[in-house]
């Protein structure tokens, strides 16, 4: 009788261990998915911050150009030149980001 009780207890323990291992595997998979998503979201956030910074710089430069006292034709020409510079700078920053 005692052996049968021990076997029953052992079977119960084995079943519980299997359930715990199954739960652990599922939780580990969920954790890995969350970690991957977190890394992806962090990289998106950095990219968005970079874009916002770039747009803010473009806005500041545009305000400077607009506030300069020049003729209408000169102002538009100067704005085009500065916009060209901004595009070139952004390309350089993008290349540096790839390295």
PDB file of N, CA and C in Angstrom:
ATOM      1  N   UNK A   1       0.813  -1.190   0.000  1.00  0.00           N
ATOM      2  CA  UNK A   1       0.000   0.000   0.000  1.00  0.00           C
ATOM      3  C   UNK A   1       0.856   1.253   0.000  1.00  0.00           C
ATOM      4  N   UNK A   2       1.920   1.207   0.759  1.00  0.00           N
ATOM      5  CA  UNK A   2       2.793   2.362   0.841  1.00  0.00           C
ATOM      6  C   UNK A   2       3.461   2.643  -0.506  1.00  0.00           C
ATOM      7  N   UNK A   3       3.859   1.601  -1.235  1.00  0.00           N
ATOM      8  CA  UNK A   3       4.462   1.753  -2.554  1.00  0.00           C
ATOM      9  C   UNK A   3       3.497   2.390  -3.543  1.00  0.00           C
ATOM     10  N   UNK A   4       2.239   1.992  -3.447  1.00  0.00           N
ATOM     11  CA  UNK A   4       1.230   2.549  -4.343  1.00  0.00           C
ATOM     12  C   UNK A   4       1.021   4.040  -4.058  1.00  0.00           C
ATOM     13  N   UNK A   5       1.032   4.434  -2.824  1.00  0.00           N
ATOM     14  CA  UNK A   5       0.902   5.842  -2.447  1.00  0.00           C
ATOM     15  C   UNK A   5       2.093   6.639  -2.952  1.00  0.00           C
ATOM     16  N   UNK A   6       3.274   6.062  -2.803  1.00  0.00           N
ATOM     17  CA  UNK A   6       4.476   6.736  -3.290  1.00  0.00           C
ATOM     18  C   UNK A   6       4.445   6.903  -4.804  1.00  0.00           C
ATOM     19  N   UNK A   7       3.970   5.885  -5.502  1.00  0.00           N
ATOM     20  CA  UNK A   7       3.868   5.972  -6.964  1.00  0.00           C
ATOM     21  C   UNK A   7       2.863   7.040  -7.374  1.00  0.00           C
ATOM     22  N   UNK A   8       1.778   7.103  -6.673  1.00  0.00           N
ATOM     23  CA  UNK A   8       0.768   8.111  -6.963  1.00  0.00           C
ATOM     24  C   UNK A   8       1.341   9.510  -6.750  1.00  0.00           C
ATOM     25  N   UNK A   9       2.032   9.683  -5.650  1.00  0.00           N
ATOM     26  CA  UNK A   9       2.669  10.979  -5.364  1.00  0.00           C
ATOM     27  C   UNK A   9       3.718  11.321  -6.415  1.00  0.00           C
ATOM     28  N   UNK A  10       4.495  10.319  -6.801  1.00  0.00           N
ATOM     29  CA  UNK A  10       5.522  10.522  -7.809  1.00  0.00           C
ATOM     30  C   UNK A  10       4.906  10.903  -9.156  1.00  0.00           C
ATOM     31  N   UNK A  11       3.835  10.234  -9.516  1.00  0.00           N
ATOM     32  CA  UNK A  11       3.125  10.559 -10.757  1.00  0.00           C
ATOM     33  C   UNK A  11       2.557  11.977 -10.708  1.00  0.00           C
ATOM     34  N   UNK A  12       2.012  12.338  -9.552  1.00  0.00           N
ATOM     35  CA  UNK A  12       1.484  13.697  -9.395  1.00  0.00           C
ATOM     36  C   UNK A  12       2.599  14.739  -9.536  1.00  0.00           C
ATOM     37  N   UNK A  13       3.727  14.462  -8.905  1.00  0.00           N
ATOM     38  CA  UNK A  13       4.868  15.381  -9.010  1.00  0.00           C
ATOM     39  C   UNK A  13       5.373  15.483 -10.449  1.00  0.00           C
ATOM     40  N   UNK A  14       5.423  14.357 -11.128  1.00  0.00           N
ATOM     41  CA  UNK A  14       5.882  14.342 -12.525  1.00  0.00           C
ATOM     42  C   UNK A  14       4.941  15.162 -13.408  1.00  0.00           C
ATOM     43  N   UNK A  15       3.645  14.998 -13.178  1.00  0.00           N
ATOM     44  CA  UNK A  15       2.652  15.753 -13.942  1.00  0.00           C
ATOM     45  C   UNK A  15       2.796  17.253 -13.682  1.00  0.00           C
ATOM     46  N   UNK A  16       2.999  17.626 -12.417  1.00  0.00           N
ATOM     47  CA  UNK A  16       3.162  19.036 -12.059  1.00  0.00           C
ATOM     48  C   UNK A  16       4.434  19.629 -12.670  1.00  0.00           C
ATOM     49  N   UNK A  17       5.508  18.858 -12.681  1.00  0.00           N
ATOM     50  CA  UNK A  17       6.759  19.324 -13.282  1.00  0.00           C
ATOM     51  C   UNK A  17       6.566  19.550 -14.780  1.00  0.00           C
ATOM     52  N   UNK A  18       5.870  18.619 -15.445  1.00  0.00           N
ATOM     53  CA  UNK A  18       5.601  18.778 -16.876  1.00  0.00           C
ATOM     54  C   UNK A  18       4.771  20.041 -17.146  1.00  0.00           C
ATOM     55  N   UNK A  19       3.785  20.284 -16.297  1.00  0.00           N
ATOM     56  CA  UNK A  19       2.968  21.490 -16.453  1.00  0.00           C
ATOM     57  C   UNK A  19       3.814  22.746 -16.242  1.00  0.00           C
ATOM     58  N   UNK A  20       4.654  22.721 -15.232  1.00  0.00           N
ATOM     59  CA  UNK A  20       5.525  23.872 -14.969  1.00  0.00           C
ATOM     60  C   UNK A  20       6.488  24.119 -16.127  1.00  0.00           C
ATOM     61  N   UNK A  21       7.053  23.042 -16.680  1.00  0.00           N
ATOM     62  CA  UNK A  21       7.953  23.182 -17.825  1.00  0.00           C
ATOM     63  C   UNK A  21       7.221  23.741 -19.043  1.00  0.00           C
ATOM     64  N   UNK A  22       6.004  23.295 -19.229  1.00  0.00           N
ATOM     65  CA  UNK A  22       5.187  23.801 -20.336  1.00  0.00           C
ATOM     66  C   UNK A  22       4.902  25.299 -20.154  1.00  0.00           C
ATOM     67  N   UNK A  23       4.511  25.669 -18.942  1.00  0.00           N
ATOM     68  CA  UNK A  23       4.257  27.085 -18.640  1.00  0.00           C
ATOM     69  C   UNK A  23       5.524  27.918 -18.812  1.00  0.00           C
ATOM     70  N   UNK A  24       6.636  27.374 -18.350  1.00  0.00           N
ATOM     71  CA  UNK A  24       7.913  28.077 -18.477  1.00  0.00           C
ATOM     72  C   UNK A  24       8.255  28.316 -19.949  1.00  0.00           C
ATOM     73  N   UNK A  25       8.074  27.299 -20.790  1.00  0.00           N
ATOM     74  CA  UNK A  25       8.353  27.439 -22.220  1.00  0.00           C
ATOM     75  C   UNK A  25       7.488  28.519 -22.853  1.00  0.00           C
ATOM     76  N   UNK A  26       6.202  28.538 -22.502  1.00  0.00           N
ATOM     77  CA  UNK A  26       5.289  29.552 -23.048  1.00  0.00           C
ATOM     78  C   UNK A  26       5.691  30.942 -22.581  1.00  0.00           C
ATOM     79  N   UNK A  27       6.008  31.081 -21.301  1.00  0.00           N
ATOM     80  CA  UNK A  27       6.422  32.387 -20.775  1.00  0.00           C
ATOM     81  C   UNK A  27       7.734  32.852 -21.398  1.00  0.00           C
ATOM     82  N   UNK A  28       8.637  31.931 -21.638  1.00  0.00           N
ATOM     83  CA  UNK A  28       9.909  32.276 -22.279  1.00  0.00           C
ATOM     84  C   UNK A  28       9.671  32.768 -23.702  1.00  0.00           C
ATOM     85  N   UNK A  29       8.793  32.091 -24.440  1.00  0.00           N
ATOM     86  CA  UNK A  29       8.452  32.537 -25.795  1.00  0.00           C
ATOM     87  C   UNK A  29       7.829  33.926 -25.774  1.00  0.00           C
ATOM     88  N   UNK A  30       6.907  34.151 -24.843  1.00  0.00           N
ATOM     89  CA  UNK A  30       6.270  35.463 -24.717  1.00  0.00           C
ATOM     90  C   UNK A  30       7.303  36.538 -24.390  1.00  0.00           C
ATOM     91  N   UNK A  31       8.225  36.216 -23.498  1.00  0.00           N
ATOM     92  CA  UNK A  31       9.265  37.166 -23.120  1.00  0.00           C
ATOM     93  C   UNK A  31      10.150  37.515 -24.311  1.00  0.00           C
ATOM     94  N   UNK A  32      10.530  36.506 -25.086  1.00  0.00           N
ATOM     95  CA  UNK A  32      11.366  36.743 -26.264  1.00  0.00           C
ATOM     96  C   UNK A  32      10.643  37.635 -27.282  1.00  0.00           C
ATOM     97  N   UNK A  33       9.342  37.394 -27.475  1.00  0.00           N
ATOM     98  CA  UNK A  33       8.557  38.225 -28.385  1.00  0.00           C
ATOM     99  C   UNK A  33       8.498  39.667 -27.877  1.00  0.00           C
ATOM    100  N   UNK A  34       8.295  39.838 -26.586  1.00  0.00           N
ATOM    101  CA  UNK A  34       8.244  41.184 -25.998  1.00  0.00           C
ATOM    102  C   UNK A  34       9.595  41.890 -26.124  1.00  0.00           C
ATOM    103  N   UNK A  35      10.670  41.159 -25.921  1.00  0.00           N
ATOM    104  CA  UNK A  35      12.006  41.746 -26.040  1.00  0.00           C
ATOM    105  C   UNK A  35      12.250  42.217 -27.475  1.00  0.00           C
ATOM    106  N   UNK A  36      11.872  41.382 -28.456  1.00  0.00           N
ATOM    107  CA  UNK A  36      12.048  41.743 -29.865  1.00  0.00           C
ATOM    108  C   UNK A  36      11.211  42.970 -30.212  1.00  0.00           C
ATOM    109  N   UNK A  37       9.969  42.984 -29.757  1.00  0.00           N
ATOM    110  CA  UNK A  37       9.095  44.127 -30.018  1.00  0.00           C
ATOM    111  C   UNK A  37       9.647  45.386 -29.359  1.00  0.00           C
ATOM    112  N   UNK A  38      10.178  45.256 -28.152  1.00  0.00           N
ATOM    113  CA  UNK A  38      10.758  46.387 -27.433  1.00  0.00           C
ATOM    114  C   UNK A  38      11.936  46.971 -28.218  1.00  0.00           C
ATOM    115  N   UNK A  39      12.810  46.118 -28.716  1.00  0.00           N
ATOM    116  CA  UNK A  39      13.952  46.591 -29.494  1.00  0.00           C
ATOM    117  C   UNK A  39      13.491  47.297 -30.763  1.00  0.00           C
ATOM    118  N   UNK A  40      12.485  46.737 -31.411  1.00  0.00           N
ATOM    119  CA  UNK A  40      11.942  47.348 -32.628  1.00  0.00           C
ATOM    120  C   UNK A  40      11.346  48.726 -32.320  1.00  0.00           C
ATOM    121  N   UNK A  41      10.594  48.818 -31.249  1.00  0.00           N
ATOM    122  CA  UNK A  41       9.976  50.086 -30.880  1.00  0.00           C
ATOM    123  C   UNK A  41      11.022  51.126 -30.480  1.00  0.00           C
ATOM    124  N   UNK A  42      12.080  50.688 -29.818  1.00  0.00           N
ATOM    125  CA  UNK A  42      13.163  51.622 -29.456  1.00  0.00           C
ATOM    126  C   UNK A  42      13.838  52.183 -30.705  1.00  0.00           C
ATOM    127  N   UNK A  43      14.071  51.333 -31.692  1.00  0.00           N
ATOM    128  CA  UNK A  43      14.703  51.820 -32.913  1.00  0.00           C
ATOM    129  C   UNK A  43      13.765  52.769 -33.663  1.00  0.00           C
ATOM    130  N   UNK A  44      12.474  52.475 -33.661  1.00  0.00           N
ATOM    131  CA  UNK A  44      11.503  53.388 -34.279  1.00  0.00           C
ATOM    132  C   UNK A  44      11.496  54.730 -33.554  1.00  0.00           C
ATOM    133  N   UNK A  45      11.577  54.692 -32.238  1.00  0.00           N
ATOM    134  CA  UNK A  45      11.578  55.921 -31.454  1.00  0.00           C
ATOM    135  C   UNK A  45      12.798  56.769 -31.776  1.00  0.00           C
ATOM    136  N   UNK A  46      13.962  56.136 -31.878  1.00  0.00           N
ATOM    137  CA  UNK A  46      15.172  56.877 -32.235  1.00  0.00           C
ATOM    138  C   UNK A  46      15.051  57.490 -33.623  1.00  0.00           C
ATOM    139  N   UNK A  47      14.477  56.741 -34.546  1.00  0.00           N
ATOM    140  CA  UNK A  47      14.294  57.251 -35.901  1.00  0.00           C
ATOM    141  C   UNK A  47      13.342  58.445 -35.908  1.00  0.00           C
ATOM    142  N   UNK A  48      12.256  58.337 -35.156  1.00  0.00           N
ATOM    143  CA  UNK A  48      11.291  59.439 -35.083  1.00  0.00           C
ATOM    144  C   UNK A  48      11.913  60.674 -34.430  1.00  0.00           C
ATOM    145  N   UNK A  49      12.709  60.460 -33.386  1.00  0.00           N
ATOM    146  CA  UNK A  49      13.392  61.586 -32.740  1.00  0.00           C
ATOM    147  C   UNK A  49      14.327  62.285 -33.710  1.00  0.00           C
ATOM    148  N   UNK A  50      15.008  61.500 -34.521  1.00  0.00           N
ATOM    149  CA  UNK A  50      15.915  62.062 -35.516  1.00  0.00           C
ATOM    150  C   UNK A  50      15.147  62.886 -36.542  1.00  0.00           C
ATOM    151  N   UNK A  51      14.023  62.368 -36.995  1.00  0.00           N
ATOM    152  CA  UNK A  51      13.197  63.094 -37.972  1.00  0.00           C
ATOM    153  C   UNK A  51      12.664  64.382 -37.373  1.00  0.00           C
ATOM    154  N   UNK A  52      12.217  64.323 -36.133  1.00  0.00           N
ATOM    155  CA  UNK A  52      11.690  65.520 -35.466  1.00  0.00           C
ATOM    156  C   UNK A  52      12.775  66.575 -35.349  1.00  0.00           C
ATOM    157  N   UNK A  53      13.970  66.154 -34.961  1.00  0.00           N
ATOM    158  CA  UNK A  53      15.088  67.076 -34.843  1.00  0.00           C
ATOM    159  C   UNK A  53      15.396  67.719 -36.184  1.00  0.00           C
ATOM    160  N   UNK A  54      15.370  66.923 -37.239  1.00  0.00           N
ATOM    161  CA  UNK A  54      15.630  67.435 -38.580  1.00  0.00           C
ATOM    162  C   UNK A  54      14.578  68.458 -38.987  1.00  0.00           C
ATOM    163  N   UNK A  55      13.321  68.149 -38.723  1.00  0.00           N
ATOM    164  CA  UNK A  55      12.243  69.073 -39.069  1.00  0.00           C
ATOM    165  C   UNK A  55      12.345  70.367 -38.257  1.00  0.00           C
ATOM    166  N   UNK A  56      12.724  70.241 -36.999  1.00  0.00           N
ATOM    167  CA  UNK A  56      12.873  71.440 -36.166  1.00  0.00           C
ATOM    168  C   UNK A  56      13.984  72.327 -36.709  1.00  0.00           C
ATOM    169  N   UNK A  57      15.080  71.705 -37.133  1.00  0.00           N
ATOM    170  CA  UNK A  57      16.166  72.488 -37.712  1.00  0.00           C
ATOM    171  C   UNK A  57      15.733  73.169 -38.999  1.00  0.00           C
ATOM    172  N   UNK A  58      14.984  72.469 -39.826  1.00  0.00           N
ATOM    173  CA  UNK A  58      14.493  73.067 -41.062  1.00  0.00           C
ATOM    174  C   UNK A  58      13.562  74.240 -40.766  1.00  0.00           C
ATOM    175  N   UNK A  59      12.726  74.092 -39.761  1.00  0.00           N
ATOM    176  CA  UNK A  59      11.806  75.170 -39.382  1.00  0.00           C
ATOM    177  C   UNK A  59      12.581  76.377 -38.885  1.00  0.00           C
ATOM    178  N   UNK A  60      13.608  76.154 -38.056  1.00  0.00           N
ATOM    179  CA  UNK A  60      14.413  77.262 -37.547  1.00  0.00           C
ATOM    180  C   UNK A  60      15.096  78.002 -38.683  1.00  0.00           C
ATOM    181  N   UNK A  61      15.658  77.251 -39.615  1.00  0.00           N
ATOM    182  CA  UNK A  61      16.353  77.882 -40.733  1.00  0.00           C
ATOM    183  C   UNK A  61      15.364  78.646 -41.607  1.00  0.00           C
ATOM    184  N   UNK A  62      14.202  78.079 -41.825  1.00  0.00           N
ATOM    185  CA  UNK A  62      13.183  78.770 -42.621  1.00  0.00           C
ATOM    186  C   UNK A  62      12.766  80.074 -41.953  1.00  0.00           C
ATOM    187  N   UNK A  63      12.635  80.060 -40.638  1.00  0.00           N
ATOM    188  CA  UNK A  63      12.274  81.285 -39.918  1.00  0.00           C
ATOM    189  C   UNK A  63      13.371  82.327 -40.045  1.00  0.00           C
ATOM    190  N   UNK A  64      14.624  81.885 -39.985  1.00  0.00           N
ATOM    191  CA  UNK A  64      15.745  82.815 -40.130  1.00  0.00           C
ATOM    192  C   UNK A  64      15.716  83.447 -41.514  1.00  0.00           C
ATOM    193  N   UNK A  65      15.497  82.621 -42.530  1.00  0.00           N
ATOM    194  CA  UNK A  65      15.466  83.132 -43.904  1.00  0.00           C
ATOM    195  C   UNK A  65      14.317  84.117 -44.074  1.00  0.00           C
ATOM    196  N   UNK A  66      13.173  83.787 -43.530  1.00  0.00           N
ATOM    197  CA  UNK A  66      12.016  84.665 -43.670  1.00  0.00           C
ATOM    198  C   UNK A  66      12.196  85.985 -42.920  1.00  0.00           C
ATOM    199  N   UNK A  67      12.952  85.952 -41.841  1.00  0.00           N
ATOM    200  CA  UNK A  67      13.128  87.166 -41.054  1.00  0.00           C
ATOM    201  C   UNK A  67      14.211  88.079 -41.623  1.00  0.00           C
ATOM    202  N   UNK A  68      15.014  87.590 -42.564  1.00  0.00           N
ATOM    203  CA  UNK A  68      16.067  88.416 -43.151  1.00  0.00           C
ATOM    204  C   UNK A  68      15.433  89.519 -43.995  1.00  0.00           C
ATOM    205  N   UNK A  69      16.034  90.654 -43.944  1.00  0.00           N
ATOM    206  CA  UNK A  69      15.523  91.788 -44.705  1.00  0.00           C
ATOM    207  C   UNK A  69      16.176  91.756 -46.086  1.00  0.00           C
ATOM    208  N   UNK A  70      15.437  91.199 -47.025  1.00  0.00           N
ATOM    209  CA  UNK A  70      15.881  91.145 -48.416  1.00  0.00           C
ATOM    210  C   UNK A  70      14.656  91.291 -49.298  1.00  0.00           C
ATOM    211  N   UNK A  71      14.893  91.486 -50.565  1.00  0.00           N
ATOM    212  CA  UNK A  71      13.776  91.595 -51.493  1.00  0.00           C
ATOM    213  C   UNK A  71      13.069  90.262 -51.622  1.00  0.00           C
ATOM    214  N   UNK A  72      11.850  90.295 -52.160  1.00  0.00           N
ATOM    215  CA  UNK A  72      11.059  89.079 -52.291  1.00  0.00           C
ATOM    216  C   UNK A  72      11.763  88.029 -53.147  1.00  0.00           C
ATOM    217  N   UNK A  73      12.340  88.448 -54.267  1.00  0.00           N
ATOM    218  CA  UNK A  73      13.031  87.503 -55.148  1.00  0.00           C
ATOM    219  C   UNK A  73      14.264  86.937 -54.462  1.00  0.00           C
ATOM    220  N   UNK A  74      15.015  87.794 -53.773  1.00  0.00           N
ATOM    221  CA  UNK A  74      16.221  87.352 -53.093  1.00  0.00           C
ATOM    222  C   UNK A  74      15.885  86.378 -51.967  1.00  0.00           C
ATOM    223  N   UNK A  75      14.799  86.645 -51.273  1.00  0.00           N
ATOM    224  CA  UNK A  75      14.398  85.794 -50.155  1.00  0.00           C
ATOM    225  C   UNK A  75      14.066  84.389 -50.653  1.00  0.00           C
ATOM    226  N   UNK A  76      13.334  84.298 -51.729  1.00  0.00           N
ATOM    227  CA  UNK A  76      12.953  82.997 -52.278  1.00  0.00           C
ATOM    228  C   UNK A  76      14.186  82.237 -52.779  1.00  0.00           C
ATOM    229  N   UNK A  77      15.088  82.956 -53.406  1.00  0.00           N
ATOM    230  CA  UNK A  77      16.322  82.349 -53.907  1.00  0.00           C
ATOM    231  C   UNK A  77      17.187  81.842 -52.748  1.00  0.00           C
ATOM    232  N   UNK A  78      17.297  82.667 -51.712  1.00  0.00           N
ATOM    233  CA  UNK A  78      18.079  82.282 -50.537  1.00  0.00           C
ATOM    234  C   UNK A  78      17.454  81.064 -49.857  1.00  0.00           C
ATOM    235  N   UNK A  79      16.150  81.042 -49.786  1.00  0.00           N
ATOM    236  CA  UNK A  79      15.454  79.914 -49.179  1.00  0.00           C
ATOM    237  C   UNK A  79      15.726  78.631 -49.957  1.00  0.00           C
ATOM    238  N   UNK A  80      15.705  78.710 -51.283  1.00  0.00           N
ATOM    239  CA  UNK A  80      15.989  77.540 -52.113  1.00  0.00           C
ATOM    240  C   UNK A  80      17.417  77.027 -51.887  1.00  0.00           C
ATOM    241  N   UNK A  81      18.361  77.937 -51.794  1.00  0.00           N
ATOM    242  CA  UNK A  81      19.749  77.552 -51.574  1.00  0.00           C
ATOM    243  C   UNK A  81      19.898  76.860 -50.215  1.00  0.00           C
ATOM    244  N   UNK A  82      19.294  77.442 -49.190  1.00  0.00           N
ATOM    245  CA  UNK A  82      19.388  76.863 -47.848  1.00  0.00           C
ATOM    246  C   UNK A  82      18.680  75.510 -47.791  1.00  0.00           C
ATOM    247  N   UNK A  83      17.537  75.399 -48.462  1.00  0.00           N
ATOM    248  CA  UNK A  83      16.847  74.106 -48.508  1.00  0.00           C
ATOM    249  C   UNK A  83      17.718  73.042 -49.172  1.00  0.00           C
ATOM    250  N   UNK A  84      18.453  73.439 -50.195  1.00  0.00           N
ATOM    251  CA  UNK A  84      19.386  72.508 -50.840  1.00  0.00           C
ATOM    252  C   UNK A  84      20.468  72.060 -49.875  1.00  0.00           C
ATOM    253  N   UNK A  85      20.995  73.015 -49.114  1.00  0.00           N
ATOM    254  CA  UNK A  85      22.011  72.671 -48.107  1.00  0.00           C
ATOM    255  C   UNK A  85      21.450  71.700 -47.068  1.00  0.00           C
ATOM    256  N   UNK A  86      20.241  71.966 -46.642  1.00  0.00           N
ATOM    257  CA  UNK A  86      19.602  71.108 -45.640  1.00  0.00           C
ATOM    258  C   UNK A  86      19.459  69.685 -46.174  1.00  0.00           C
ATOM    259  N   UNK A  87      19.041  69.555 -47.430  1.00  0.00           N
ATOM    260  CA  UNK A  87      18.895  68.219 -48.014  1.00  0.00           C
ATOM    261  C   UNK A  87      20.240  67.500 -48.067  1.00  0.00           C
ATOM    262  N   UNK A  88      21.284  68.209 -48.437  1.00  0.00           N
ATOM    263  CA  UNK A  88      22.611  67.600 -48.493  1.00  0.00           C
ATOM    264  C   UNK A  88      23.087  67.178 -47.101  1.00  0.00           C
ATOM    265  N   UNK A  89      22.830  68.026 -46.111  1.00  0.00           N
ATOM    266  CA  UNK A  89      23.211  67.696 -44.731  1.00  0.00           C
ATOM    267  C   UNK A  89      22.451  66.462 -44.257  1.00  0.00           C
ATOM    268  N   UNK A  90      21.172  66.387 -44.567  1.00  0.00           N
ATOM    269  CA  UNK A  90      20.368  65.227 -44.177  1.00  0.00           C
ATOM    270  C   UNK A  90      20.884  63.949 -44.835  1.00  0.00           C
ATOM    271  N   UNK A  91      21.325  64.043 -46.096  1.00  0.00           N
ATOM    272  CA  UNK A  91      21.899  62.880 -46.764  1.00  0.00           C
ATOM    273  C   UNK A  91      23.171  62.441 -46.051  1.00  0.00           C
ATOM    274  N   UNK A  92      23.999  63.409 -45.679  1.00  0.00           N
ATOM    275  CA  UNK A  92      25.244  63.087 -44.963  1.00  0.00           C
ATOM    276  C   UNK A  92      24.938  62.416 -43.622  1.00  0.00           C
ATOM    277  N   UNK A  93      23.953  62.920 -42.922  1.00  0.00           N
ATOM    278  CA  UNK A  93      23.577  62.340 -41.626  1.00  0.00           C
ATOM    279  C   UNK A  93      23.056  60.916 -41.835  1.00  0.00           C
ATOM    280  N   UNK A  94      22.274  60.691 -42.889  1.00  0.00           N
ATOM    281  CA  UNK A  94      21.765  59.360 -43.173  1.00  0.00           C
ATOM    282  C   UNK A  94      22.914  58.391 -43.459  1.00  0.00           C
ATOM    283  N   UNK A  95      23.904  58.851 -44.231  1.00  0.00           N
ATOM    284  CA  UNK A  95      25.060  57.993 -44.526  1.00  0.00           C
ATOM    285  C   UNK A  95      25.839  57.681 -43.266  1.00  0.00           C
ATOM    286  N   UNK A  96      25.992  58.667 -42.390  1.00  0.00           N
ATOM    287  CA  UNK A  96      26.705  58.433 -41.141  1.00  0.00           C
ATOM    288  C   UNK A  96      25.947  57.454 -40.256  1.00  0.00           C
ATOM    289  N   UNK A  97      24.619  57.524 -40.297  1.00  0.00           N
ATOM    290  CA  UNK A  97      23.785  56.616 -39.513  1.00  0.00           C
ATOM    291  C   UNK A  97      23.896  55.176 -39.989  1.00  0.00           C
ATOM    292  N   UNK A  98      24.172  54.976 -41.272  1.00  0.00           N
ATOM    293  CA  UNK A  98      24.306  53.633 -41.823  1.00  0.00           C
ATOM    294  C   UNK A  98      25.630  52.996 -41.437  1.00  0.00           C
ATOM    295  N   UNK A  99      26.640  53.835 -41.173  1.00  0.00           N
ATOM    296  CA  UNK A  99      27.978  53.298 -40.887  1.00  0.00           C
ATOM    297  C   UNK A  99      28.066  52.712 -39.508  1.00  0.00           C
TER     298      UNK A  99
END
